[in-house]
Amino acid sequence: MSIAKTKSTPYYAVIFTSIRTAEDDGYANMADAMIEAAAKQPGFLGVESARDELGITVSYWDSLESIAAWKQNSAHLLAQKLGRDRWYESYKTRICRVERDYDFSRI
C-alpha cells in the first residue's frame, strides 16, 4: 500500500470508518476486489486503507457524481450488503471536499 497520488485540488475524499465483527468469511478478498473495482471507475483518483482494530479507508474522487456512481456499482452494492450482514458491527461514511493538500517524501 502507498499514499494515493491525487490530482490538484479541489477533489473529494470518501472516508469509510468501520468496526468489524469477528468473522472474516471472505472480507479481505472482498476488500481487495472493491479496491480493484473502484480503480476502474471513472473519476477514481486513489485509495488509502488501514484495517486493524478500527478500519479506515479513504478513497479519492474527482466529483460528487463519480462518488454517487461508485455507490451504485453492482459489485459495490453486493459488498455493502455483505458488510451489513456479516462483517461490520458499525461504520460511518463521510464525504469531504479537499481544498488543499501538500506532501513530503524522503525518497
PDB file of N, CA and C in Angstrom:
ATOM      1  N   MET A   1       0.850  -1.174   0.000  1.00  0.00           N
ATOM      2  CA  MET A   1       0.000   0.000   0.000  1.00  0.00           C
ATOM      3  C   MET A   1       0.889   1.227   0.000  1.00  0.00           C
ATOM      4  N   SER A   2       0.443   2.256  -0.670  1.00  0.00           N
ATOM      5  CA  SER A   2       1.195   3.502  -0.706  1.00  0.00           C
ATOM      6  C   SER A   2       0.230   4.678  -0.558  1.00  0.00           C
ATOM      7  N   ILE A   3       0.783   5.852  -0.444  1.00  0.00           N
ATOM      8  CA  ILE A   3      -0.040   7.059  -0.371  1.00  0.00           C
ATOM      9  C   ILE A   3      -0.587   7.342  -1.761  1.00  0.00           C
ATOM     10  N   ALA A   4      -1.875   7.600  -1.847  1.00  0.00           N
ATOM     11  CA  ALA A   4      -2.527   7.848  -3.136  1.00  0.00           C
ATOM     12  C   ALA A   4      -1.952   9.099  -3.792  1.00  0.00           C
ATOM     13  N   LYS A   5      -1.762   9.029  -5.089  1.00  0.00           N
ATOM     14  CA  LYS A   5      -1.301  10.168  -5.874  1.00  0.00           C
ATOM     15  C   LYS A   5      -2.530  10.850  -6.469  1.00  0.00           C
ATOM     16  N   THR A   6      -3.010  11.856  -5.815  1.00  0.00           N
ATOM     17  CA  THR A   6      -4.225  12.539  -6.243  1.00  0.00           C
ATOM     18  C   THR A   6      -3.885  13.683  -7.189  1.00  0.00           C
ATOM     19  N   LYS A   7      -4.917  14.207  -7.853  1.00  0.00           N
ATOM     20  CA  LYS A   7      -4.745  15.341  -8.763  1.00  0.00           C
ATOM     21  C   LYS A   7      -4.700  16.632  -7.960  1.00  0.00           C
ATOM     22  N   SER A   8      -4.557  17.723  -8.658  1.00  0.00           N
ATOM     23  CA  SER A   8      -4.560  19.006  -7.961  1.00  0.00           C
ATOM     24  C   SER A   8      -5.947  19.277  -7.383  1.00  0.00           C
ATOM     25  N   THR A   9      -5.979  20.020  -6.304  1.00  0.00           N
ATOM     26  CA  THR A   9      -7.233  20.337  -5.622  1.00  0.00           C
ATOM     27  C   THR A   9      -8.050  21.300  -6.461  1.00  0.00           C
ATOM     28  N   PRO A  10      -9.350  21.329  -6.259  1.00  0.00           N
ATOM     29  CA  PRO A  10     -10.118  20.519  -5.316  1.00  0.00           C
ATOM     30  C   PRO A  10     -10.474  19.147  -5.889  1.00  0.00           C
ATOM     31  N   TYR A  11     -10.688  18.208  -4.985  1.00  0.00           N
ATOM     32  CA  TYR A  11     -11.213  16.882  -5.299  1.00  0.00           C
ATOM     33  C   TYR A  11     -11.949  16.410  -4.054  1.00  0.00           C
ATOM     34  N   TYR A  12     -12.453  15.193  -4.073  1.00  0.00           N
ATOM     35  CA  TYR A  12     -13.287  14.708  -2.970  1.00  0.00           C
ATOM     36  C   TYR A  12     -12.676  13.474  -2.322  1.00  0.00           C
ATOM     37  N   ALA A  13     -12.937  13.331  -1.022  1.00  0.00           N
ATOM     38  CA  ALA A  13     -12.495  12.157  -0.268  1.00  0.00           C
ATOM     39  C   ALA A  13     -13.715  11.506   0.366  1.00  0.00           C
ATOM     40  N   VAL A  14     -13.805  10.202   0.248  1.00  0.00           N
ATOM     41  CA  VAL A  14     -14.813   9.416   0.958  1.00  0.00           C
ATOM     42  C   VAL A  14     -14.071   8.680   2.065  1.00  0.00           C
ATOM     43  N   ILE A  15     -14.418   8.990   3.298  1.00  0.00           N
ATOM     44  CA  ILE A  15     -13.768   8.381   4.454  1.00  0.00           C
ATOM     45  C   ILE A  15     -14.735   7.352   5.038  1.00  0.00           C
ATOM     46  N   PHE A  16     -14.327   6.092   4.976  1.00  0.00           N
ATOM     47  CA  PHE A  16     -15.144   4.990   5.485  1.00  0.00           C
ATOM     48  C   PHE A  16     -14.444   4.422   6.711  1.00  0.00           C
ATOM     49  N   THR A  17     -15.063   4.582   7.869  1.00  0.00           N
ATOM     50  CA  THR A  17     -14.514   4.123   9.135  1.00  0.00           C
ATOM     51  C   THR A  17     -15.400   2.999   9.651  1.00  0.00           C
ATOM     52  N   SER A  18     -14.779   1.893  10.087  1.00  0.00           N
ATOM     53  CA  SER A  18     -15.590   0.738  10.479  1.00  0.00           C
ATOM     54  C   SER A  18     -15.007   0.003  11.676  1.00  0.00           C
ATOM     55  N   ILE A  19     -15.908  -0.667  12.377  1.00  0.00           N
ATOM     56  CA  ILE A  19     -15.550  -1.629  13.410  1.00  0.00           C
ATOM     57  C   ILE A  19     -16.087  -2.967  12.926  1.00  0.00           C
ATOM     58  N   ARG A  20     -15.199  -3.938  12.832  1.00  0.00           N
ATOM     59  CA  ARG A  20     -15.527  -5.232  12.247  1.00  0.00           C
ATOM     60  C   ARG A  20     -16.112  -6.202  13.259  1.00  0.00           C
ATOM     61  N   THR A  21     -16.832  -7.179  12.740  1.00  0.00           N
ATOM     62  CA  THR A  21     -17.218  -8.343  13.532  1.00  0.00           C
ATOM     63  C   THR A  21     -16.000  -9.268  13.606  1.00  0.00           C
ATOM     64  N   ALA A  22     -16.104 -10.345  14.366  1.00  0.00           N
ATOM     65  CA  ALA A  22     -15.003 -11.316  14.469  1.00  0.00           C
ATOM     66  C   ALA A  22     -14.889 -12.167  13.205  1.00  0.00           C
ATOM     67  N   GLU A  23     -15.929 -12.193  12.398  1.00  0.00           N
ATOM     68  CA  GLU A  23     -15.996 -13.057  11.220  1.00  0.00           C
ATOM     69  C   GLU A  23     -15.241 -12.448  10.040  1.00  0.00           C
ATOM     70  N   ASP A  24     -14.377 -13.249   9.388  1.00  0.00           N
ATOM     71  CA  ASP A  24     -13.731 -12.797   8.152  1.00  0.00           C
ATOM     72  C   ASP A  24     -14.564 -13.243   6.966  1.00  0.00           C
ATOM     73  N   ASP A  25     -14.727 -14.552   6.806  1.00  0.00           N
ATOM     74  CA  ASP A  25     -15.612 -15.129   5.798  1.00  0.00           C
ATOM     75  C   ASP A  25     -15.545 -14.400   4.461  1.00  0.00           C
ATOM     76  N   GLY A  26     -14.333 -14.176   3.978  1.00  0.00           N
ATOM     77  CA  GLY A  26     -14.166 -13.553   2.672  1.00  0.00           C
ATOM     78  C   GLY A  26     -13.990 -12.048   2.687  1.00  0.00           C
ATOM     79  N   TYR A  27     -13.936 -11.440   3.863  1.00  0.00           N
ATOM     80  CA  TYR A  27     -13.842  -9.980   3.951  1.00  0.00           C
ATOM     81  C   TYR A  27     -12.598  -9.441   3.243  1.00  0.00           C
ATOM     82  N   ALA A  28     -11.441  -9.997   3.550  1.00  0.00           N
ATOM     83  CA  ALA A  28     -10.190  -9.492   2.969  1.00  0.00           C
ATOM     84  C   ALA A  28     -10.220  -9.584   1.448  1.00  0.00           C
ATOM     85  N   ASN A  29     -10.719 -10.703   0.928  1.00  0.00           N
ATOM     86  CA  ASN A  29     -10.819 -10.848  -0.528  1.00  0.00           C
ATOM     87  C   ASN A  29     -11.769  -9.828  -1.130  1.00  0.00           C
ATOM     88  N   MET A  30     -12.906  -9.594  -0.471  1.00  0.00           N
ATOM     89  CA  MET A  30     -13.870  -8.621  -0.972  1.00  0.00           C
ATOM     90  C   MET A  30     -13.290  -7.212  -0.913  1.00  0.00           C
ATOM     91  N   ALA A  31     -12.587  -6.894   0.175  1.00  0.00           N
ATOM     92  CA  ALA A  31     -11.985  -5.559   0.298  1.00  0.00           C
ATOM     93  C   ALA A  31     -10.994  -5.311  -0.838  1.00  0.00           C
ATOM     94  N   ASP A  32     -10.154  -6.291  -1.134  1.00  0.00           N
ATOM     95  CA  ASP A  32      -9.208  -6.162  -2.238  1.00  0.00           C
ATOM     96  C   ASP A  32      -9.931  -6.025  -3.580  1.00  0.00           C
ATOM     97  N   ALA A  33     -10.990  -6.814  -3.769  1.00  0.00           N
ATOM     98  CA  ALA A  33     -11.763  -6.741  -5.019  1.00  0.00           C
ATOM     99  C   ALA A  33     -12.428  -5.378  -5.182  1.00  0.00           C
ATOM    100  N   MET A  34     -12.885  -4.786  -4.080  1.00  0.00           N
ATOM    101  CA  MET A  34     -13.524  -3.464  -4.156  1.00  0.00           C
ATOM    102  C   MET A  34     -12.523  -2.381  -4.527  1.00  0.00           C
ATOM    103  N   ILE A  35     -11.313  -2.486  -4.014  1.00  0.00           N
ATOM    104  CA  ILE A  35     -10.285  -1.513  -4.393  1.00  0.00           C
ATOM    105  C   ILE A  35      -9.973  -1.637  -5.880  1.00  0.00           C
ATOM    106  N   GLU A  36      -9.856  -2.861  -6.373  1.00  0.00           N
ATOM    107  CA  GLU A  36      -9.610  -3.075  -7.806  1.00  0.00           C
ATOM    108  C   GLU A  36     -10.767  -2.549  -8.650  1.00  0.00           C
ATOM    109  N   ALA A  37     -12.004  -2.802  -8.220  1.00  0.00           N
ATOM    110  CA  ALA A  37     -13.178  -2.340  -8.978  1.00  0.00           C
ATOM    111  C   ALA A  37     -13.283  -0.813  -8.941  1.00  0.00           C
ATOM    112  N   ALA A  38     -13.039  -0.219  -7.786  1.00  0.00           N
ATOM    113  CA  ALA A  38     -13.103   1.241  -7.673  1.00  0.00           C
ATOM    114  C   ALA A  38     -12.082   1.896  -8.595  1.00  0.00           C
ATOM    115  N   ALA A  39     -10.905   1.298  -8.698  1.00  0.00           N
ATOM    116  CA  ALA A  39      -9.850   1.860  -9.535  1.00  0.00           C
ATOM    117  C   ALA A  39     -10.251   1.915 -11.012  1.00  0.00           C
ATOM    118  N   LYS A  40     -11.216   1.101 -11.409  1.00  0.00           N
ATOM    119  CA  LYS A  40     -11.689   1.084 -12.800  1.00  0.00           C
ATOM    120  C   LYS A  40     -12.827   2.072 -13.043  1.00  0.00           C
ATOM    121  N   GLN A  41     -13.356   2.663 -11.978  1.00  0.00           N
ATOM    122  CA  GLN A  41     -14.482   3.596 -12.098  1.00  0.00           C
ATOM    123  C   GLN A  41     -14.013   4.953 -12.622  1.00  0.00           C
ATOM    124  N   PRO A  42     -14.787   5.579 -13.519  1.00  0.00           N
ATOM    125  CA  PRO A  42     -14.454   6.938 -13.931  1.00  0.00           C
ATOM    126  C   PRO A  42     -14.419   7.869 -12.718  1.00  0.00           C
ATOM    127  N   GLY A  43     -13.412   8.714 -12.682  1.00  0.00           N
ATOM    128  CA  GLY A  43     -13.298   9.694 -11.609  1.00  0.00           C
ATOM    129  C   GLY A  43     -12.507   9.239 -10.409  1.00  0.00           C
ATOM    130  N   PHE A  44     -12.122   7.950 -10.353  1.00  0.00           N
ATOM    131  CA  PHE A  44     -11.346   7.438  -9.220  1.00  0.00           C
ATOM    132  C   PHE A  44      -9.944   8.014  -9.273  1.00  0.00           C
ATOM    133  N   LEU A  45      -9.440   8.498  -8.125  1.00  0.00           N
ATOM    134  CA  LEU A  45      -8.103   9.086  -8.062  1.00  0.00           C
ATOM    135  C   LEU A  45      -7.115   8.268  -7.235  1.00  0.00           C
ATOM    136  N   GLY A  46      -7.587   7.470  -6.275  1.00  0.00           N
ATOM    137  CA  GLY A  46      -6.693   6.680  -5.439  1.00  0.00           C
ATOM    138  C   GLY A  46      -7.376   6.239  -4.163  1.00  0.00           C
ATOM    139  N   VAL A  47      -6.650   5.454  -3.359  1.00  0.00           N
ATOM    140  CA  VAL A  47      -7.198   4.937  -2.101  1.00  0.00           C
ATOM    141  C   VAL A  47      -6.070   4.697  -1.109  1.00  0.00           C
ATOM    142  N   GLU A  48      -6.403   4.848   0.167  1.00  0.00           N
ATOM    143  CA  GLU A  48      -5.509   4.510   1.272  1.00  0.00           C
ATOM    144  C   GLU A  48      -6.353   3.758   2.293  1.00  0.00           C
ATOM    145  N   SER A  49      -5.777   2.707   2.884  1.00  0.00           N
ATOM    146  CA  SER A  49      -6.575   1.892   3.782  1.00  0.00           C
ATOM    147  C   SER A  49      -5.717   1.304   4.891  1.00  0.00           C
ATOM    148  N   ALA A  50      -6.285   1.244   6.099  1.00  0.00           N
ATOM    149  CA  ALA A  50      -5.661   0.580   7.242  1.00  0.00           C
ATOM    150  C   ALA A  50      -6.753  -0.234   7.926  1.00  0.00           C
ATOM    151  N   ARG A  51      -6.482  -1.509   8.146  1.00  0.00           N
ATOM    152  CA  ARG A  51      -7.503  -2.390   8.724  1.00  0.00           C
ATOM    153  C   ARG A  51      -6.950  -3.092   9.944  1.00  0.00           C
ATOM    154  N   ASP A  52      -7.193  -2.522  11.104  1.00  0.00           N
ATOM    155  CA  ASP A  52      -6.810  -3.169  12.354  1.00  0.00           C
ATOM    156  C   ASP A  52      -8.021  -3.122  13.277  1.00  0.00           C
ATOM    157  N   GLU A  53      -7.843  -2.644  14.504  1.00  0.00           N
ATOM    158  CA  GLU A  53      -8.980  -2.550  15.425  1.00  0.00           C
ATOM    159  C   GLU A  53     -10.064  -1.635  14.867  1.00  0.00           C
ATOM    160  N   LEU A  54      -9.631  -0.536  14.277  1.00  0.00           N
ATOM    161  CA  LEU A  54     -10.533   0.413  13.625  1.00  0.00           C
ATOM    162  C   LEU A  54     -10.123   0.463  12.171  1.00  0.00           C
ATOM    163  N   GLY A  55     -11.029   0.128  11.279  1.00  0.00           N
ATOM    164  CA  GLY A  55     -10.718   0.166   9.857  1.00  0.00           C
ATOM    165  C   GLY A  55     -10.991   1.549   9.306  1.00  0.00           C
ATOM    166  N   ILE A  56     -10.049   2.060   8.531  1.00  0.00           N
ATOM    167  CA  ILE A  56     -10.233   3.350   7.880  1.00  0.00           C
ATOM    168  C   ILE A  56      -9.793   3.208   6.430  1.00  0.00           C
ATOM    169  N   THR A  57     -10.704   3.499   5.530  1.00  0.00           N
ATOM    170  CA  THR A  57     -10.384   3.526   4.111  1.00  0.00           C
ATOM    171  C   THR A  57     -10.803   4.877   3.571  1.00  0.00           C
ATOM    172  N   VAL A  58      -9.868   5.536   2.886  1.00  0.00           N
ATOM    173  CA  VAL A  58     -10.152   6.824   2.267  1.00  0.00           C
ATOM    174  C   VAL A  58      -9.966   6.647   0.770  1.00  0.00           C
ATOM    175  N   SER A  59     -11.034   6.903   0.015  1.00  0.00           N
ATOM    176  CA  SER A  59     -10.926   6.879  -1.442  1.00  0.00           C
ATOM    177  C   SER A  59     -11.086   8.303  -1.955  1.00  0.00           C
ATOM    178  N   TYR A  60     -10.434   8.582  -3.066  1.00  0.00           N
ATOM    179  CA  TYR A  60     -10.396   9.931  -3.615  1.00  0.00           C
ATOM    180  C   TYR A  60     -11.050   9.945  -4.994  1.00  0.00           C
ATOM    181  N   TRP A  61     -11.835  10.994  -5.241  1.00  0.00           N
ATOM    182  CA  TRP A  61     -12.657  11.074  -6.441  1.00  0.00           C
ATOM    183  C   TRP A  61     -12.631  12.485  -7.007  1.00  0.00           C
ATOM    184  N   ASP A  62     -12.874  12.588  -8.307  1.00  0.00           N
ATOM    185  CA  ASP A  62     -12.845  13.906  -8.940  1.00  0.00           C
ATOM    186  C   ASP A  62     -14.145  14.692  -8.814  1.00  0.00           C
ATOM    187  N   SER A  63     -15.247  14.009  -8.446  1.00  0.00           N
ATOM    188  CA  SER A  63     -16.529  14.716  -8.364  1.00  0.00           C
ATOM    189  C   SER A  63     -17.513  13.957  -7.475  1.00  0.00           C
ATOM    190  N   LEU A  64     -18.539  14.665  -7.044  1.00  0.00           N
ATOM    191  CA  LEU A  64     -19.621  14.019  -6.291  1.00  0.00           C
ATOM    192  C   LEU A  64     -20.376  13.036  -7.176  1.00  0.00           C
ATOM    193  N   GLU A  65     -20.462  13.316  -8.458  1.00  0.00           N
ATOM    194  CA  GLU A  65     -21.141  12.409  -9.395  1.00  0.00           C
ATOM    195  C   GLU A  65     -20.400  11.077  -9.502  1.00  0.00           C
ATOM    196  N   SER A  66     -19.066  11.126  -9.503  1.00  0.00           N
ATOM    197  CA  SER A  66     -18.274   9.895  -9.543  1.00  0.00           C
ATOM    198  C   SER A  66     -18.485   9.061  -8.277  1.00  0.00           C
ATOM    199  N   ILE A  67     -18.584   9.733  -7.145  1.00  0.00           N
ATOM    200  CA  ILE A  67     -18.842   9.038  -5.878  1.00  0.00           C
ATOM    201  C   ILE A  67     -20.218   8.379  -5.914  1.00  0.00           C
ATOM    202  N   ALA A  68     -21.218   9.101  -6.395  1.00  0.00           N
ATOM    203  CA  ALA A  68     -22.575   8.549  -6.474  1.00  0.00           C
ATOM    204  C   ALA A  68     -22.624   7.343  -7.410  1.00  0.00           C
ATOM    205  N   ALA A  69     -21.894   7.402  -8.524  1.00  0.00           N
ATOM    206  CA  ALA A  69     -21.871   6.271  -9.455  1.00  0.00           C
ATOM    207  C   ALA A  69     -21.220   5.054  -8.808  1.00  0.00           C
ATOM    208  N   TRP A  70     -20.143   5.256  -8.052  1.00  0.00           N
ATOM    209  CA  TRP A  70     -19.484   4.144  -7.362  1.00  0.00           C
ATOM    210  C   TRP A  70     -20.415   3.523  -6.329  1.00  0.00           C
ATOM    211  N   LYS A  71     -21.154   4.341  -5.614  1.00  0.00           N
ATOM    212  CA  LYS A  71     -22.080   3.820  -4.603  1.00  0.00           C
ATOM    213  C   LYS A  71     -23.113   2.888  -5.227  1.00  0.00           C
ATOM    214  N   GLN A  72     -23.458   3.102  -6.489  1.00  0.00           N
ATOM    215  CA  GLN A  72     -24.461   2.282  -7.170  1.00  0.00           C
ATOM    216  C   GLN A  72     -23.869   1.152  -8.015  1.00  0.00           C
ATOM    217  N   ASN A  73     -22.544   1.008  -8.036  1.00  0.00           N
ATOM    218  CA  ASN A  73     -21.896  -0.074  -8.767  1.00  0.00           C
ATOM    219  C   ASN A  73     -22.405  -1.418  -8.238  1.00  0.00           C
ATOM    220  N   SER A  74     -22.752  -2.347  -9.113  1.00  0.00           N
ATOM    221  CA  SER A  74     -23.392  -3.599  -8.681  1.00  0.00           C
ATOM    222  C   SER A  74     -22.502  -4.428  -7.745  1.00  0.00           C
ATOM    223  N   ALA A  75     -21.213  -4.518  -8.023  1.00  0.00           N
ATOM    224  CA  ALA A  75     -20.318  -5.262  -7.129  1.00  0.00           C
ATOM    225  C   ALA A  75     -20.212  -4.560  -5.776  1.00  0.00           C
ATOM    226  N   HIS A  76     -20.204  -3.235  -5.794  1.00  0.00           N
ATOM    227  CA  HIS A  76     -20.132  -2.468  -4.555  1.00  0.00           C
ATOM    228  C   HIS A  76     -21.425  -2.614  -3.758  1.00  0.00           C
ATOM    229  N   LEU A  77     -22.561  -2.660  -4.424  1.00  0.00           N
ATOM    230  CA  LEU A  77     -23.833  -2.879  -3.731  1.00  0.00           C
ATOM    231  C   LEU A  77     -23.837  -4.223  -3.006  1.00  0.00           C
ATOM    232  N   LEU A  78     -23.302  -5.267  -3.651  1.00  0.00           N
ATOM    233  CA  LEU A  78     -23.200  -6.583  -3.011  1.00  0.00           C
ATOM    234  C   LEU A  78     -22.275  -6.507  -1.797  1.00  0.00           C
ATOM    235  N   ALA A  79     -21.127  -5.853  -1.944  1.00  0.00           N
ATOM    236  CA  ALA A  79     -20.188  -5.722  -0.826  1.00  0.00           C
ATOM    237  C   ALA A  79     -20.825  -4.958   0.338  1.00  0.00           C
ATOM    238  N   GLN A  80     -21.608  -3.933   0.033  1.00  0.00           N
ATOM    239  CA  GLN A  80     -22.294  -3.175   1.083  1.00  0.00           C
ATOM    240  C   GLN A  80     -23.255  -4.084   1.859  1.00  0.00           C
ATOM    241  N   LYS A  81     -24.012  -4.895   1.131  1.00  0.00           N
ATOM    242  CA  LYS A  81     -24.965  -5.797   1.779  1.00  0.00           C
ATOM    243  C   LYS A  81     -24.240  -6.822   2.652  1.00  0.00           C
ATOM    244  N   LEU A  82     -23.196  -7.438   2.110  1.00  0.00           N
ATOM    245  CA  LEU A  82     -22.431  -8.414   2.883  1.00  0.00           C
ATOM    246  C   LEU A  82     -21.798  -7.754   4.109  1.00  0.00           C
ATOM    247  N   GLY A  83     -21.341  -6.520   3.959  1.00  0.00           N
ATOM    248  CA  GLY A  83     -20.769  -5.800   5.092  1.00  0.00           C
ATOM    249  C   GLY A  83     -21.773  -5.623   6.217  1.00  0.00           C
ATOM    250  N   ARG A  84     -22.978  -5.201   5.866  1.00  0.00           N
ATOM    251  CA  ARG A  84     -24.023  -5.023   6.892  1.00  0.00           C
ATOM    252  C   ARG A  84     -24.444  -6.371   7.486  1.00  0.00           C
ATOM    253  N   ASP A  85     -24.529  -7.409   6.656  1.00  0.00           N
ATOM    254  CA  ASP A  85     -24.981  -8.721   7.127  1.00  0.00           C
ATOM    255  C   ASP A  85     -23.927  -9.482   7.925  1.00  0.00           C
ATOM    256  N   ARG A  86     -22.629  -9.325   7.579  1.00  0.00           N
ATOM    257  CA  ARG A  86     -21.595 -10.196   8.138  1.00  0.00           C
ATOM    258  C   ARG A  86     -20.423  -9.485   8.815  1.00  0.00           C
ATOM    259  N   TRP A  87     -19.882  -8.456   8.188  1.00  0.00           N
ATOM    260  CA  TRP A  87     -18.537  -8.008   8.518  1.00  0.00           C
ATOM    261  C   TRP A  87     -18.435  -6.809   9.440  1.00  0.00           C
ATOM    262  N   TYR A  88     -19.484  -6.009   9.570  1.00  0.00           N
ATOM    263  CA  TYR A  88     -19.363  -4.779  10.350  1.00  0.00           C
ATOM    264  C   TYR A  88     -20.282  -4.772  11.566  1.00  0.00           C
ATOM    265  N   GLU A  89     -19.706  -4.376  12.698  1.00  0.00           N
ATOM    266  CA  GLU A  89     -20.517  -4.056  13.875  1.00  0.00           C
ATOM    267  C   GLU A  89     -21.122  -2.669  13.673  1.00  0.00           C
ATOM    268  N   SER A  90     -20.310  -1.770  13.118  1.00  0.00           N
ATOM    269  CA  SER A  90     -20.779  -0.415  12.823  1.00  0.00           C
ATOM    270  C   SER A  90     -19.828   0.230  11.820  1.00  0.00           C
ATOM    271  N   TYR A  91     -20.329   1.249  11.135  1.00  0.00           N
ATOM    272  CA  TYR A  91     -19.479   2.021  10.232  1.00  0.00           C
ATOM    273  C   TYR A  91     -20.057   3.415  10.040  1.00  0.00           C
ATOM    274  N   LYS A  92     -19.217   4.294   9.542  1.00  0.00           N
ATOM    275  CA  LYS A  92     -19.627   5.656   9.223  1.00  0.00           C
ATOM    276  C   LYS A  92     -18.916   6.058   7.949  1.00  0.00           C
ATOM    277  N   THR A  93     -19.639   6.729   7.064  1.00  0.00           N
ATOM    278  CA  THR A  93     -19.080   7.245   5.828  1.00  0.00           C
ATOM    279  C   THR A  93     -19.169   8.763   5.850  1.00  0.00           C
ATOM    280  N   ARG A  94     -18.060   9.397   5.510  1.00  0.00           N
ATOM    281  CA  ARG A  94     -18.010  10.860   5.429  1.00  0.00           C
ATOM    282  C   ARG A  94     -17.515  11.247   4.044  1.00  0.00           C
ATOM    283  N   ILE A  95     -18.113  12.250   3.460  1.00  0.00           N
ATOM    284  CA  ILE A  95     -17.691  12.734   2.152  1.00  0.00           C
ATOM    285  C   ILE A  95     -17.239  14.180   2.318  1.00  0.00           C
ATOM    286  N   CYS A  96     -16.013  14.444   1.884  1.00  0.00           N
ATOM    287  CA  CYS A  96     -15.393  15.746   2.108  1.00  0.00           C
ATOM    288  C   CYS A  96     -14.820  16.302   0.809  1.00  0.00           C
ATOM    289  N   ARG A  97     -14.821  17.594   0.694  1.00  0.00           N
ATOM    290  CA  ARG A  97     -14.148  18.266  -0.416  1.00  0.00           C
ATOM    291  C   ARG A  97     -12.750  18.651   0.072  1.00  0.00           C
ATOM    292  N   VAL A  98     -11.734  18.219  -0.658  1.00  0.00           N
ATOM    293  CA  VAL A  98     -10.350  18.539  -0.313  1.00  0.00           C
ATOM    294  C   VAL A  98      -9.995  19.841  -1.002  1.00  0.00           C
ATOM    295  N   GLU A  99      -9.728  20.852  -0.217  1.00  0.00           N
ATOM    296  CA  GLU A  99      -9.417  22.176  -0.731  1.00  0.00           C
ATOM    297  C   GLU A  99      -7.921  22.399  -0.923  1.00  0.00           C
ATOM    298  N   ARG A 100      -7.122  21.700  -0.106  1.00  0.00           N
ATOM    299  CA  ARG A 100      -5.684  21.903  -0.142  1.00  0.00           C
ATOM    300  C   ARG A 100      -5.013  20.617   0.289  1.00  0.00           C
ATOM    301  N   ASP A 101      -3.879  20.303  -0.307  1.00  0.00           N
ATOM    302  CA  ASP A 101      -3.055  19.197   0.162  1.00  0.00           C
ATOM    303  C   ASP A 101      -1.586  19.530  -0.063  1.00  0.00           C
ATOM    304  N   TYR A 102      -0.733  18.864   0.648  1.00  0.00           N
ATOM    305  CA  TYR A 102       0.705  19.003   0.464  1.00  0.00           C
ATOM    306  C   TYR A 102       1.350  17.717   0.944  1.00  0.00           C
ATOM    307  N   ASP A 103       2.609  17.512   0.577  1.00  0.00           N
ATOM    308  CA  ASP A 103       3.232  16.246   0.914  1.00  0.00           C
ATOM    309  C   ASP A 103       4.720  16.413   1.197  1.00  0.00           C
ATOM    310  N   PHE A 104       5.299  15.333   1.676  1.00  0.00           N
ATOM    311  CA  PHE A 104       6.724  15.201   1.928  1.00  0.00           C
ATOM    312  C   PHE A 104       7.110  13.780   1.580  1.00  0.00           C
ATOM    313  N   SER A 105       8.266  13.611   0.991  1.00  0.00           N
ATOM    314  CA  SER A 105       8.775  12.274   0.727  1.00  0.00           C
ATOM    315  C   SER A 105      10.288  12.280   0.876  1.00  0.00           C
ATOM    316  N   ARG A 106      10.788  11.406   1.694  1.00  0.00           N
ATOM    317  CA  ARG A 106      12.238  11.287   1.884  1.00  0.00           C
ATOM    318  C   ARG A 106      12.883  10.624   0.671  1.00  0.00           C
ATOM    319  N   ILE A 107      12.080   9.880  -0.077  1.00  0.00           N
ATOM    320  CA  ILE A 107      12.621   9.123  -1.209  1.00  0.00           C
ATOM    321  C   ILE A 107      12.673   9.972  -2.458  1.00  0.00           C
TER     322      ILE A 107
END
